[in-house]
Amino acid sequence: MAETKKKTAAKKSVAKKAGAAKKSPATKKAPAAKKSVVKKSAPAKASASTPSRAVLKLGALKPAGGSWPKRQRIGRGHGSGMVKTGGEGGKGQTVRSGGGKGRTFEGGQTPWARRLPHRRGYSQKARDIGHFRARYVVVNLHQLATWDASVEVSPESLRERGILKSAGDGVKILGGTREGKTLPQGLRFRDIAFSQSAREALQAAGAQLEVA
């Protein structure tokens, strides 16, 4: 063991001497000249007074120049938004100028504005006459033949004497007459409507007419 260690040590010393002989000062390469490096000046920090860069907005985004955008594939499910008409639009009512159903359309059911309860007389133009017209209680001229001229003829006095049961929406005098019954002279009327024939007959009898 000792002999082998001595042999390996001798070999290593010989190899070191041979390597030292090869590396001489004459054969060493000159160090390469250092490249001149120009240091870039650091960008000046933007002060609070200088305006900031323009903000990129979605509307300003554009595809890269020369690129080919992917085509729109239609008929690929309802999630794609390109089913049924495939981007070609509708036909019929949706295409016509001024067409459509309006903002108040509710699919055919009675609209909200028509489902509301309406007050009496809210709109008489679009309602039937039987429900919204003025209902007058009628009195004919011959019923006043025995009337006392000193008493004013009014809806209240007519009810007190039993000629009317109720005043309704108003009292109207019609020109109905009977044989043997004449009007007393100088009758006074208040809050009562008249037909044309009744007005002429009362004016001929010297009545004072105060229309309601």
N, C-alpha and C. Protein backbone atom coordinates (compact mmCIF):
# COMPACT_ATOMS: atom_id res chain seq x y z
N MET A 1 0.82 -1.20 0.00
CA MET A 1 0.00 0.00 0.00
C MET A 1 0.85 1.25 0.00
N ALA A 2 1.92 1.22 0.81
CA ALA A 2 2.80 2.40 0.90
C ALA A 2 3.50 2.65 -0.41
N GLU A 3 3.89 1.56 -1.11
CA GLU A 3 4.58 1.72 -2.39
C GLU A 3 3.68 2.32 -3.44
N THR A 4 2.42 1.88 -3.49
CA THR A 4 1.48 2.42 -4.49
C THR A 4 1.23 3.90 -4.25
N LYS A 5 1.15 4.31 -2.95
CA LYS A 5 0.93 5.72 -2.65
C LYS A 5 2.10 6.55 -3.11
N LYS A 6 3.35 6.03 -2.93
CA LYS A 6 4.52 6.75 -3.38
C LYS A 6 4.54 6.92 -4.89
N LYS A 7 4.13 5.87 -5.63
CA LYS A 7 4.12 5.92 -7.10
C LYS A 7 3.14 6.97 -7.61
N THR A 8 1.94 7.02 -7.03
CA THR A 8 0.94 8.00 -7.47
C THR A 8 1.39 9.42 -7.16
N ALA A 9 2.08 9.60 -6.01
CA ALA A 9 2.56 10.93 -5.67
C ALA A 9 3.64 11.37 -6.64
N ALA A 10 4.50 10.43 -7.07
CA ALA A 10 5.56 10.77 -8.02
C ALA A 10 4.98 11.15 -9.36
N LYS A 11 3.92 10.42 -9.78
CA LYS A 11 3.29 10.74 -11.07
C LYS A 11 2.66 12.12 -11.06
N LYS A 12 2.02 12.50 -9.92
CA LYS A 12 1.38 13.80 -9.83
C LYS A 12 2.41 14.92 -9.89
N SER A 13 3.55 14.74 -9.25
CA SER A 13 4.58 15.78 -9.27
C SER A 13 5.15 15.96 -10.65
N VAL A 14 5.31 14.86 -11.40
CA VAL A 14 5.83 14.94 -12.77
C VAL A 14 4.85 15.68 -13.66
N ALA A 15 3.56 15.39 -13.49
CA ALA A 15 2.53 16.05 -14.32
C ALA A 15 2.48 17.54 -14.03
N LYS A 16 2.66 17.95 -12.76
CA LYS A 16 2.64 19.37 -12.42
C LYS A 16 3.82 20.09 -13.07
N LYS A 17 5.02 19.46 -13.06
CA LYS A 17 6.20 20.08 -13.68
C LYS A 17 6.02 20.25 -15.17
N ALA A 18 5.38 19.28 -15.84
CA ALA A 18 5.18 19.37 -17.29
C ALA A 18 4.19 20.48 -17.63
N GLY A 19 3.19 20.64 -16.81
CA GLY A 19 2.21 21.70 -17.08
C GLY A 19 2.78 23.08 -16.84
N ALA A 20 3.69 23.19 -15.84
CA ALA A 20 4.31 24.48 -15.58
C ALA A 20 5.25 24.87 -16.69
N ALA A 21 5.88 23.88 -17.34
CA ALA A 21 6.80 24.17 -18.44
C ALA A 21 6.03 24.66 -19.66
N LYS A 22 4.82 24.13 -19.90
CA LYS A 22 4.05 24.54 -21.07
C LYS A 22 3.56 25.99 -20.93
N LYS A 23 3.12 26.39 -19.70
CA LYS A 23 2.59 27.73 -19.48
C LYS A 23 3.75 28.68 -19.17
N SER A 24 4.26 29.36 -20.21
CA SER A 24 5.35 30.33 -20.05
C SER A 24 4.78 31.73 -20.19
N PRO A 25 5.48 32.75 -19.65
CA PRO A 25 4.96 34.14 -19.75
C PRO A 25 4.88 34.64 -21.17
N ALA A 26 5.72 34.12 -22.10
CA ALA A 26 5.70 34.60 -23.48
C ALA A 26 4.46 34.17 -24.22
N THR A 27 3.93 33.02 -23.87
CA THR A 27 2.80 32.48 -24.62
C THR A 27 1.45 32.96 -24.10
N LYS A 28 1.42 33.70 -22.97
CA LYS A 28 0.14 34.16 -22.43
C LYS A 28 -0.46 35.23 -23.34
N LYS A 29 -1.81 35.15 -23.53
CA LYS A 29 -2.52 36.10 -24.37
C LYS A 29 -2.71 37.42 -23.62
N ALA A 30 -2.66 38.51 -24.37
CA ALA A 30 -2.87 39.83 -23.78
C ALA A 30 -4.36 39.98 -23.45
N PRO A 31 -4.59 40.59 -22.36
CA PRO A 31 -6.02 40.78 -21.99
C PRO A 31 -6.74 41.66 -23.00
N ALA A 32 -7.97 41.25 -23.35
CA ALA A 32 -8.75 41.99 -24.36
C ALA A 32 -9.13 43.37 -23.81
N ALA A 33 -9.15 44.33 -24.71
CA ALA A 33 -9.50 45.69 -24.31
C ALA A 33 -10.98 45.77 -23.92
N LYS A 34 -11.23 46.43 -22.86
CA LYS A 34 -12.61 46.55 -22.40
C LYS A 34 -13.41 47.47 -23.32
N LYS A 35 -14.60 47.02 -23.64
CA LYS A 35 -15.48 47.83 -24.49
C LYS A 35 -16.00 49.01 -23.69
N SER A 36 -16.05 50.11 -24.39
CA SER A 36 -16.57 51.31 -23.72
C SER A 36 -18.10 51.22 -23.67
N VAL A 37 -18.61 51.22 -22.50
CA VAL A 37 -20.06 51.10 -22.31
C VAL A 37 -20.61 52.47 -22.00
N VAL A 38 -21.58 52.87 -22.82
CA VAL A 38 -22.23 54.17 -22.61
C VAL A 38 -23.45 53.94 -21.74
N LYS A 39 -23.40 54.50 -20.61
CA LYS A 39 -24.52 54.34 -19.70
C LYS A 39 -25.68 55.23 -20.15
N LYS A 40 -26.86 54.59 -20.21
CA LYS A 40 -28.07 55.34 -20.58
C LYS A 40 -28.56 56.12 -19.37
N SER A 41 -28.91 57.32 -19.66
CA SER A 41 -29.42 58.14 -18.57
C SER A 41 -30.80 57.66 -18.17
N ALA A 42 -31.04 57.60 -16.89
CA ALA A 42 -32.33 57.13 -16.38
C ALA A 42 -33.42 58.13 -16.76
N PRO A 43 -34.60 57.64 -17.17
CA PRO A 43 -35.69 58.56 -17.55
C PRO A 43 -36.12 59.40 -16.36
N ALA A 44 -36.35 60.65 -16.66
CA ALA A 44 -36.74 61.56 -15.59
C ALA A 44 -38.13 61.20 -15.09
N LYS A 45 -38.28 61.25 -13.81
CA LYS A 45 -39.57 60.91 -13.21
C LYS A 45 -40.58 62.01 -13.55
N ALA A 46 -41.78 61.52 -13.90
CA ALA A 46 -42.83 62.48 -14.25
C ALA A 46 -43.27 63.23 -13.01
N SER A 47 -43.27 64.51 -13.13
CA SER A 47 -43.70 65.30 -11.99
C SER A 47 -45.21 65.38 -11.96
N ALA A 48 -45.69 65.93 -10.92
CA ALA A 48 -47.15 66.03 -10.77
C ALA A 48 -47.73 66.99 -11.79
N SER A 49 -46.90 67.97 -12.28
CA SER A 49 -47.42 68.97 -13.22
C SER A 49 -47.52 68.42 -14.63
N THR A 50 -46.62 67.45 -15.00
CA THR A 50 -46.62 66.93 -16.37
C THR A 50 -47.83 66.02 -16.56
N PRO A 51 -48.49 66.08 -17.74
CA PRO A 51 -49.67 65.23 -17.98
C PRO A 51 -49.29 63.76 -18.08
N SER A 52 -50.17 62.88 -17.61
CA SER A 52 -49.90 61.44 -17.65
C SER A 52 -50.19 60.90 -19.05
N ARG A 53 -49.80 59.67 -19.29
CA ARG A 53 -50.02 59.05 -20.59
C ARG A 53 -51.51 58.84 -20.84
N ALA A 54 -51.88 58.77 -22.13
CA ALA A 54 -53.28 58.56 -22.49
C ALA A 54 -53.73 57.18 -22.04
N VAL A 55 -54.93 57.11 -21.50
CA VAL A 55 -55.46 55.84 -21.01
C VAL A 55 -56.00 55.04 -22.18
N LEU A 56 -55.64 53.79 -22.25
CA LEU A 56 -56.13 52.92 -23.32
C LEU A 56 -57.56 52.53 -23.05
N LYS A 57 -58.44 52.73 -24.02
CA LYS A 57 -59.85 52.41 -23.89
C LYS A 57 -60.22 51.24 -24.79
N LEU A 58 -61.31 50.59 -24.44
CA LEU A 58 -61.73 49.42 -25.22
C LEU A 58 -62.10 49.80 -26.64
N GLY A 59 -62.65 51.02 -26.80
CA GLY A 59 -63.04 51.43 -28.15
C GLY A 59 -61.86 51.68 -29.07
N ALA A 60 -60.65 51.84 -28.51
CA ALA A 60 -59.47 52.10 -29.33
C ALA A 60 -58.71 50.83 -29.69
N LEU A 61 -59.16 49.68 -29.18
CA LEU A 61 -58.47 48.43 -29.49
C LEU A 61 -58.70 48.03 -30.94
N LYS A 62 -57.66 47.61 -31.61
CA LYS A 62 -57.73 47.18 -33.01
C LYS A 62 -56.94 45.89 -33.17
N PRO A 63 -57.34 45.06 -34.13
CA PRO A 63 -56.53 43.86 -34.38
C PRO A 63 -55.17 44.23 -34.95
N ALA A 64 -54.23 43.36 -34.79
CA ALA A 64 -52.88 43.61 -35.30
C ALA A 64 -52.92 43.75 -36.81
N GLY A 65 -52.04 44.58 -37.32
CA GLY A 65 -52.00 44.80 -38.75
C GLY A 65 -51.70 43.53 -39.52
N GLY A 66 -52.47 43.26 -40.58
CA GLY A 66 -52.27 42.06 -41.39
C GLY A 66 -52.86 40.80 -40.81
N SER A 67 -53.52 40.90 -39.65
CA SER A 67 -54.08 39.70 -39.04
C SER A 67 -55.44 39.38 -39.66
N TRP A 68 -55.85 38.14 -39.54
CA TRP A 68 -57.14 37.69 -40.06
C TRP A 68 -58.01 37.30 -38.87
N PRO A 69 -59.04 38.11 -38.54
CA PRO A 69 -59.90 37.73 -37.41
C PRO A 69 -60.68 36.46 -37.71
N LYS A 70 -60.99 35.75 -36.64
CA LYS A 70 -61.72 34.50 -36.81
C LYS A 70 -63.15 34.79 -37.24
N ARG A 71 -63.66 34.10 -38.20
CA ARG A 71 -65.00 34.35 -38.71
C ARG A 71 -66.05 33.92 -37.68
N GLN A 72 -67.21 34.55 -37.79
CA GLN A 72 -68.32 34.25 -36.89
C GLN A 72 -69.02 32.99 -37.37
N ARG A 73 -69.11 32.00 -36.49
CA ARG A 73 -69.77 30.74 -36.83
C ARG A 73 -71.20 30.79 -36.32
N ILE A 74 -72.14 30.58 -37.21
CA ILE A 74 -73.55 30.64 -36.83
C ILE A 74 -74.10 29.23 -36.66
N GLY A 75 -75.20 29.16 -35.93
CA GLY A 75 -75.84 27.86 -35.74
C GLY A 75 -75.06 26.96 -34.81
N ARG A 76 -74.42 27.53 -33.78
CA ARG A 76 -73.61 26.72 -32.87
C ARG A 76 -74.15 26.81 -31.44
N GLY A 77 -75.45 26.82 -31.31
CA GLY A 77 -76.04 26.80 -29.97
C GLY A 77 -76.54 28.16 -29.55
N HIS A 78 -77.50 28.16 -28.63
CA HIS A 78 -78.11 29.40 -28.19
C HIS A 78 -77.14 30.27 -27.40
N GLY A 79 -76.14 29.71 -26.79
CA GLY A 79 -75.18 30.52 -26.05
C GLY A 79 -74.33 31.39 -26.95
N SER A 80 -74.22 31.06 -28.22
CA SER A 80 -73.41 31.85 -29.13
C SER A 80 -74.13 33.11 -29.57
N GLY A 81 -75.45 33.17 -29.42
CA GLY A 81 -76.21 34.33 -29.86
C GLY A 81 -76.43 34.39 -31.35
N MET A 82 -76.03 33.37 -32.06
CA MET A 82 -76.18 33.35 -33.52
C MET A 82 -76.96 32.10 -33.93
N VAL A 83 -78.20 32.01 -33.41
CA VAL A 83 -79.05 30.90 -33.79
C VAL A 83 -80.23 31.46 -34.59
N LYS A 84 -81.23 30.70 -34.82
CA LYS A 84 -82.45 31.09 -35.53
C LYS A 84 -82.14 31.86 -36.82
N THR A 85 -82.22 33.19 -36.80
CA THR A 85 -82.02 33.95 -38.04
C THR A 85 -80.55 34.11 -38.41
N GLY A 86 -79.63 33.76 -37.52
CA GLY A 86 -78.21 33.78 -37.85
C GLY A 86 -77.67 35.16 -38.18
N GLY A 87 -78.16 36.18 -37.47
CA GLY A 87 -77.65 37.52 -37.69
C GLY A 87 -78.28 38.25 -38.86
N GLU A 88 -79.24 37.63 -39.52
CA GLU A 88 -79.87 38.25 -40.68
C GLU A 88 -81.08 39.09 -40.31
N GLY A 89 -81.49 39.13 -39.04
CA GLY A 89 -82.64 39.92 -38.64
C GLY A 89 -83.95 39.17 -38.83
N GLY A 90 -85.03 39.81 -38.47
CA GLY A 90 -86.35 39.18 -38.57
C GLY A 90 -87.08 39.56 -39.83
N LYS A 91 -88.32 39.11 -39.92
CA LYS A 91 -89.16 39.43 -41.08
C LYS A 91 -90.50 39.93 -40.58
N GLY A 92 -91.26 40.51 -41.47
CA GLY A 92 -92.62 40.91 -41.12
C GLY A 92 -92.66 42.14 -40.24
N GLN A 93 -93.25 42.00 -39.04
CA GLN A 93 -93.52 43.16 -38.19
C GLN A 93 -92.25 43.86 -37.75
N THR A 94 -91.19 43.13 -37.54
CA THR A 94 -89.95 43.74 -37.05
C THR A 94 -89.18 44.47 -38.13
N VAL A 95 -89.50 44.23 -39.39
CA VAL A 95 -88.77 44.85 -40.50
C VAL A 95 -89.47 46.10 -40.99
N ARG A 96 -90.78 46.17 -40.85
CA ARG A 96 -91.54 47.29 -41.40
C ARG A 96 -91.23 48.60 -40.67
N SER A 97 -91.27 49.68 -41.41
CA SER A 97 -91.05 50.99 -40.81
C SER A 97 -92.21 51.32 -39.90
N GLY A 98 -91.88 51.71 -38.66
CA GLY A 98 -92.91 52.02 -37.69
C GLY A 98 -93.55 50.80 -37.07
N GLY A 99 -93.03 49.64 -37.35
CA GLY A 99 -93.61 48.41 -36.80
C GLY A 99 -93.22 48.19 -35.35
N GLY A 100 -93.49 47.05 -34.84
CA GLY A 100 -93.21 46.74 -33.45
C GLY A 100 -94.47 46.79 -32.61
N LYS A 101 -94.32 46.47 -31.36
CA LYS A 101 -95.47 46.35 -30.48
C LYS A 101 -95.58 47.48 -29.47
N GLY A 102 -94.60 48.33 -29.37
CA GLY A 102 -94.68 49.44 -28.44
C GLY A 102 -94.18 49.06 -27.06
N ARG A 103 -93.91 50.09 -26.26
CA ARG A 103 -93.34 49.86 -24.93
C ARG A 103 -94.34 49.28 -23.96
N THR A 104 -95.64 49.51 -24.22
CA THR A 104 -96.66 49.05 -23.28
C THR A 104 -97.20 47.68 -23.63
N PHE A 105 -96.67 47.04 -24.67
CA PHE A 105 -97.17 45.73 -25.07
C PHE A 105 -96.76 44.68 -24.04
N GLU A 106 -97.71 43.86 -23.62
CA GLU A 106 -97.45 42.87 -22.58
C GLU A 106 -97.77 41.46 -23.06
N GLY A 107 -97.40 41.19 -24.32
CA GLY A 107 -97.56 39.85 -24.83
C GLY A 107 -98.98 39.48 -25.22
N GLY A 108 -99.86 40.43 -25.30
CA GLY A 108 -101.24 40.15 -25.68
C GLY A 108 -102.22 40.22 -24.52
N GLN A 109 -101.72 40.16 -23.30
CA GLN A 109 -102.63 40.28 -22.16
C GLN A 109 -103.07 41.73 -22.00
N THR A 110 -104.10 41.94 -21.19
CA THR A 110 -104.61 43.30 -21.00
C THR A 110 -103.52 44.17 -20.39
N PRO A 111 -103.19 45.30 -21.04
CA PRO A 111 -102.09 46.12 -20.56
C PRO A 111 -102.36 46.68 -19.16
N TRP A 112 -101.27 47.12 -18.55
CA TRP A 112 -101.35 47.63 -17.18
C TRP A 112 -102.28 48.83 -17.08
N ALA A 113 -102.21 49.74 -18.07
CA ALA A 113 -103.03 50.94 -18.01
C ALA A 113 -104.51 50.62 -18.12
N ARG A 114 -104.87 49.52 -18.75
CA ARG A 114 -106.29 49.16 -18.89
C ARG A 114 -106.76 48.28 -17.74
N ARG A 115 -105.85 47.75 -16.96
CA ARG A 115 -106.25 46.94 -15.81
C ARG A 115 -106.53 47.78 -14.57
N LEU A 116 -106.16 49.05 -14.61
CA LEU A 116 -106.38 49.91 -13.45
C LEU A 116 -107.87 50.20 -13.26
N PRO A 117 -108.32 50.31 -12.02
CA PRO A 117 -109.72 50.71 -11.80
C PRO A 117 -109.90 52.19 -12.12
N HIS A 118 -110.89 52.48 -12.93
CA HIS A 118 -111.12 53.86 -13.36
C HIS A 118 -112.21 54.50 -12.51
N ARG A 119 -112.04 55.77 -12.24
CA ARG A 119 -113.07 56.50 -11.52
C ARG A 119 -114.27 56.76 -12.42
N ARG A 120 -115.39 57.05 -11.82
CA ARG A 120 -116.57 57.40 -12.58
C ARG A 120 -116.31 58.71 -13.33
N GLY A 121 -116.55 58.68 -14.63
CA GLY A 121 -116.32 59.87 -15.43
C GLY A 121 -114.87 60.10 -15.77
N TYR A 122 -114.01 59.10 -15.59
CA TYR A 122 -112.59 59.27 -15.88
C TYR A 122 -112.38 59.60 -17.35
N SER A 123 -113.03 58.88 -18.24
CA SER A 123 -112.96 59.18 -19.66
C SER A 123 -114.28 58.75 -20.29
N GLN A 124 -115.18 59.70 -20.45
CA GLN A 124 -116.51 59.36 -20.95
C GLN A 124 -116.52 59.14 -22.45
N LYS A 125 -115.48 59.57 -23.15
CA LYS A 125 -115.47 59.42 -24.60
C LYS A 125 -115.35 57.96 -25.02
N ALA A 126 -114.62 57.18 -24.25
CA ALA A 126 -114.39 55.79 -24.63
C ALA A 126 -115.29 54.83 -23.86
N ARG A 127 -116.26 55.33 -23.08
CA ARG A 127 -117.14 54.47 -22.29
C ARG A 127 -118.55 54.47 -22.88
N ASP A 128 -119.33 53.50 -22.53
CA ASP A 128 -120.70 53.44 -23.05
C ASP A 128 -121.56 54.50 -22.38
N ILE A 129 -122.55 54.98 -23.10
CA ILE A 129 -123.38 56.10 -22.62
C ILE A 129 -124.23 55.65 -21.44
N GLY A 130 -124.63 54.39 -21.42
CA GLY A 130 -125.53 53.92 -20.37
C GLY A 130 -124.96 54.02 -18.97
N HIS A 131 -123.66 53.96 -18.84
CA HIS A 131 -123.06 54.00 -17.51
C HIS A 131 -122.56 55.40 -17.12
N PHE A 132 -122.20 56.22 -18.09
CA PHE A 132 -121.51 57.45 -17.77
C PHE A 132 -122.24 58.71 -18.22
N ARG A 133 -123.40 58.60 -18.75
CA ARG A 133 -124.14 59.81 -19.13
C ARG A 133 -124.86 60.38 -17.90
N ALA A 134 -125.27 61.63 -18.01
CA ALA A 134 -126.02 62.26 -16.93
C ALA A 134 -127.47 61.77 -16.98
N ARG A 135 -127.95 61.27 -15.86
CA ARG A 135 -129.31 60.73 -15.79
C ARG A 135 -130.23 61.80 -15.16
N TYR A 136 -131.05 62.40 -15.99
CA TYR A 136 -131.97 63.43 -15.52
C TYR A 136 -133.31 62.80 -15.12
N VAL A 137 -133.89 63.36 -14.07
CA VAL A 137 -135.25 62.99 -13.67
C VAL A 137 -136.20 63.93 -14.41
N VAL A 138 -137.19 63.33 -15.10
CA VAL A 138 -138.04 64.08 -16.02
C VAL A 138 -139.32 64.52 -15.32
N VAL A 139 -139.71 65.78 -15.58
CA VAL A 139 -141.00 66.33 -15.12
C VAL A 139 -141.66 66.99 -16.32
N ASN A 140 -142.92 66.65 -16.59
CA ASN A 140 -143.66 67.25 -17.70
C ASN A 140 -144.37 68.52 -17.24
N LEU A 141 -144.70 69.37 -18.20
CA LEU A 141 -145.32 70.65 -17.88
C LEU A 141 -146.70 70.49 -17.22
N HIS A 142 -147.45 69.46 -17.60
CA HIS A 142 -148.79 69.32 -17.04
C HIS A 142 -148.75 68.99 -15.55
N GLN A 143 -147.57 68.50 -15.03
CA GLN A 143 -147.47 68.21 -13.60
C GLN A 143 -147.36 69.49 -12.77
N LEU A 144 -147.10 70.63 -13.42
CA LEU A 144 -146.99 71.91 -12.72
C LEU A 144 -148.25 72.76 -12.86
N ALA A 145 -149.35 72.16 -13.32
CA ALA A 145 -150.58 72.94 -13.53
C ALA A 145 -151.14 73.45 -12.22
N THR A 146 -150.98 72.68 -11.15
CA THR A 146 -151.52 73.09 -9.84
C THR A 146 -150.46 73.70 -8.93
N TRP A 147 -149.31 74.08 -9.48
CA TRP A 147 -148.21 74.61 -8.66
C TRP A 147 -148.50 76.04 -8.22
N ASP A 148 -148.15 76.33 -6.95
CA ASP A 148 -148.32 77.67 -6.40
C ASP A 148 -147.20 78.56 -6.95
N ALA A 149 -147.59 79.66 -7.62
CA ALA A 149 -146.61 80.52 -8.28
C ALA A 149 -145.72 81.23 -7.28
N SER A 150 -146.13 81.33 -6.02
CA SER A 150 -145.29 82.00 -5.02
C SER A 150 -144.14 81.11 -4.54
N VAL A 151 -144.20 79.81 -4.84
CA VAL A 151 -143.15 78.87 -4.42
C VAL A 151 -142.19 78.64 -5.59
N GLU A 152 -140.91 78.75 -5.32
CA GLU A 152 -139.88 78.53 -6.36
C GLU A 152 -139.81 77.05 -6.72
N VAL A 153 -139.72 76.76 -7.99
CA VAL A 153 -139.62 75.38 -8.48
C VAL A 153 -138.14 75.00 -8.50
N SER A 154 -137.75 74.05 -7.66
CA SER A 154 -136.37 73.57 -7.57
C SER A 154 -136.38 72.07 -7.31
N PRO A 155 -135.28 71.38 -7.46
CA PRO A 155 -135.26 69.94 -7.16
C PRO A 155 -135.71 69.63 -5.73
N GLU A 156 -135.37 70.50 -4.78
CA GLU A 156 -135.77 70.25 -3.39
C GLU A 156 -137.29 70.41 -3.21
N SER A 157 -137.85 71.49 -3.78
CA SER A 157 -139.30 71.71 -3.62
C SER A 157 -140.11 70.64 -4.36
N LEU A 158 -139.60 70.15 -5.48
CA LEU A 158 -140.29 69.09 -6.21
C LEU A 158 -140.31 67.79 -5.40
N ARG A 159 -139.22 67.53 -4.68
CA ARG A 159 -139.19 66.32 -3.84
C ARG A 159 -140.12 66.48 -2.64
N GLU A 160 -140.20 67.68 -2.05
CA GLU A 160 -141.06 67.90 -0.89
C GLU A 160 -142.53 67.69 -1.23
N ARG A 161 -142.95 68.03 -2.45
CA ARG A 161 -144.34 67.90 -2.83
C ARG A 161 -144.66 66.56 -3.49
N GLY A 162 -143.68 65.65 -3.50
CA GLY A 162 -143.93 64.30 -3.97
C GLY A 162 -143.93 64.12 -5.46
N ILE A 163 -143.56 65.15 -6.21
CA ILE A 163 -143.50 64.99 -7.67
C ILE A 163 -142.29 64.16 -8.07
N LEU A 164 -141.19 64.26 -7.31
CA LEU A 164 -139.99 63.48 -7.56
C LEU A 164 -139.68 62.59 -6.36
N LYS A 165 -139.12 61.41 -6.65
CA LYS A 165 -138.63 60.54 -5.59
C LYS A 165 -137.16 60.83 -5.30
N SER A 166 -136.41 61.13 -6.33
CA SER A 166 -134.99 61.48 -6.17
C SER A 166 -134.62 62.45 -7.27
N ALA A 167 -133.62 63.27 -7.00
CA ALA A 167 -133.20 64.28 -7.99
C ALA A 167 -132.26 63.71 -9.04
N GLY A 168 -131.65 62.51 -8.78
CA GLY A 168 -130.73 61.92 -9.75
C GLY A 168 -129.54 62.81 -10.02
N ASP A 169 -129.15 62.90 -11.30
CA ASP A 169 -128.06 63.80 -11.70
C ASP A 169 -128.57 65.19 -12.05
N GLY A 170 -129.88 65.38 -12.00
CA GLY A 170 -130.47 66.68 -12.33
C GLY A 170 -131.94 66.50 -12.69
N VAL A 171 -132.65 67.61 -12.74
CA VAL A 171 -134.08 67.61 -13.08
C VAL A 171 -134.25 68.34 -14.40
N LYS A 172 -135.05 67.77 -15.27
CA LYS A 172 -135.29 68.38 -16.58
C LYS A 172 -136.79 68.47 -16.83
N ILE A 173 -137.24 69.64 -17.27
CA ILE A 173 -138.64 69.89 -17.59
C ILE A 173 -138.86 69.63 -19.08
N LEU A 174 -139.79 68.75 -19.39
CA LEU A 174 -140.15 68.45 -20.78
C LEU A 174 -141.49 69.12 -21.11
N GLY A 175 -141.76 69.22 -22.40
CA GLY A 175 -142.94 69.95 -22.85
C GLY A 175 -144.19 69.12 -22.96
N GLY A 176 -144.36 68.07 -22.15
CA GLY A 176 -145.57 67.25 -22.22
C GLY A 176 -146.77 67.97 -21.61
N THR A 177 -147.86 68.06 -22.37
CA THR A 177 -149.09 68.75 -21.90
C THR A 177 -150.28 67.81 -21.98
N ARG A 178 -151.35 68.21 -21.29
CA ARG A 178 -152.62 67.48 -21.33
C ARG A 178 -153.76 68.50 -21.47
N GLU A 179 -154.86 67.99 -21.99
CA GLU A 179 -156.01 68.87 -22.19
C GLU A 179 -156.59 69.30 -20.84
N GLY A 180 -156.93 70.55 -20.75
CA GLY A 180 -157.55 71.09 -19.55
C GLY A 180 -156.57 71.49 -18.46
N LYS A 181 -155.27 71.32 -18.71
CA LYS A 181 -154.27 71.70 -17.71
C LYS A 181 -153.38 72.78 -18.30
N THR A 182 -153.40 73.93 -17.68
CA THR A 182 -152.60 75.08 -18.13
C THR A 182 -151.62 75.49 -17.05
N LEU A 183 -150.56 76.16 -17.47
CA LEU A 183 -149.50 76.60 -16.55
C LEU A 183 -149.92 77.87 -15.84
N PRO A 184 -149.61 77.99 -14.56
CA PRO A 184 -149.83 79.26 -13.87
C PRO A 184 -148.83 80.30 -14.35
N GLN A 185 -149.18 81.54 -14.24
CA GLN A 185 -148.32 82.64 -14.69
C GLN A 185 -147.27 82.97 -13.63
N GLY A 186 -146.07 83.34 -14.13
CA GLY A 186 -145.01 83.85 -13.26
C GLY A 186 -144.30 82.82 -12.41
N LEU A 187 -144.13 81.60 -12.92
CA LEU A 187 -143.37 80.58 -12.16
C LEU A 187 -141.88 80.93 -12.16
N ARG A 188 -141.23 80.55 -11.08
CA ARG A 188 -139.77 80.78 -10.95
C ARG A 188 -139.06 79.43 -10.83
N PHE A 189 -138.02 79.23 -11.61
CA PHE A 189 -137.30 77.96 -11.66
C PHE A 189 -135.84 78.18 -11.26
N ARG A 190 -135.27 77.19 -10.57
CA ARG A 190 -133.86 77.25 -10.17
C ARG A 190 -133.24 75.85 -10.25
N ASP A 191 -132.03 75.77 -10.79
CA ASP A 191 -131.26 74.51 -10.89
C ASP A 191 -132.04 73.44 -11.63
N ILE A 192 -132.66 73.81 -12.74
CA ILE A 192 -133.44 72.86 -13.53
C ILE A 192 -133.10 73.08 -15.00
N ALA A 193 -133.01 71.99 -15.75
CA ALA A 193 -132.79 72.04 -17.20
C ALA A 193 -134.13 71.96 -17.92
N PHE A 194 -134.15 72.44 -19.18
CA PHE A 194 -135.40 72.50 -19.94
C PHE A 194 -135.16 71.98 -21.34
N SER A 195 -136.19 71.34 -21.89
CA SER A 195 -136.18 71.03 -23.31
C SER A 195 -136.59 72.28 -24.09
N GLN A 196 -136.40 72.25 -25.40
CA GLN A 196 -136.69 73.43 -26.20
C GLN A 196 -138.18 73.78 -26.17
N SER A 197 -139.04 72.76 -26.27
CA SER A 197 -140.48 73.02 -26.27
C SER A 197 -140.96 73.53 -24.90
N ALA A 198 -140.39 72.97 -23.81
CA ALA A 198 -140.77 73.43 -22.47
C ALA A 198 -140.29 74.85 -22.23
N ARG A 199 -139.12 75.21 -22.73
CA ARG A 199 -138.61 76.56 -22.54
C ARG A 199 -139.52 77.59 -23.24
N GLU A 200 -139.93 77.26 -24.46
CA GLU A 200 -140.79 78.19 -25.21
C GLU A 200 -142.14 78.37 -24.51
N ALA A 201 -142.70 77.26 -23.99
CA ALA A 201 -144.01 77.35 -23.33
C ALA A 201 -143.92 78.15 -22.03
N LEU A 202 -142.84 77.95 -21.28
CA LEU A 202 -142.69 78.66 -20.01
C LEU A 202 -142.42 80.15 -20.24
N GLN A 203 -141.65 80.47 -21.25
CA GLN A 203 -141.39 81.88 -21.54
C GLN A 203 -142.67 82.58 -22.00
N ALA A 204 -143.52 81.85 -22.70
CA ALA A 204 -144.80 82.44 -23.12
C ALA A 204 -145.71 82.68 -21.92
N ALA A 205 -145.53 81.87 -20.84
CA ALA A 205 -146.32 82.04 -19.63
C ALA A 205 -145.69 82.99 -18.63
N GLY A 206 -144.59 83.64 -19.02
CA GLY A 206 -143.93 84.64 -18.17
C GLY A 206 -143.12 84.04 -17.03
N ALA A 207 -142.59 82.85 -17.21
CA ALA A 207 -141.79 82.21 -16.16
C ALA A 207 -140.38 82.76 -16.15
N GLN A 208 -139.73 82.72 -15.00
CA GLN A 208 -138.34 83.14 -14.83
C GLN A 208 -137.48 81.87 -14.78
N LEU A 209 -136.61 81.70 -15.76
CA LEU A 209 -135.83 80.47 -15.89
C LEU A 209 -134.39 80.72 -15.45
N GLU A 210 -133.94 79.98 -14.46
CA GLU A 210 -132.55 80.03 -14.02
C GLU A 210 -131.96 78.62 -14.22
N VAL A 211 -131.18 78.49 -15.27
CA VAL A 211 -130.66 77.16 -15.65
C VAL A 211 -129.59 76.75 -14.65
N ALA A 212 -129.54 75.44 -14.36
CA ALA A 212 -128.55 74.91 -13.42
C ALA A 212 -127.16 75.06 -13.99
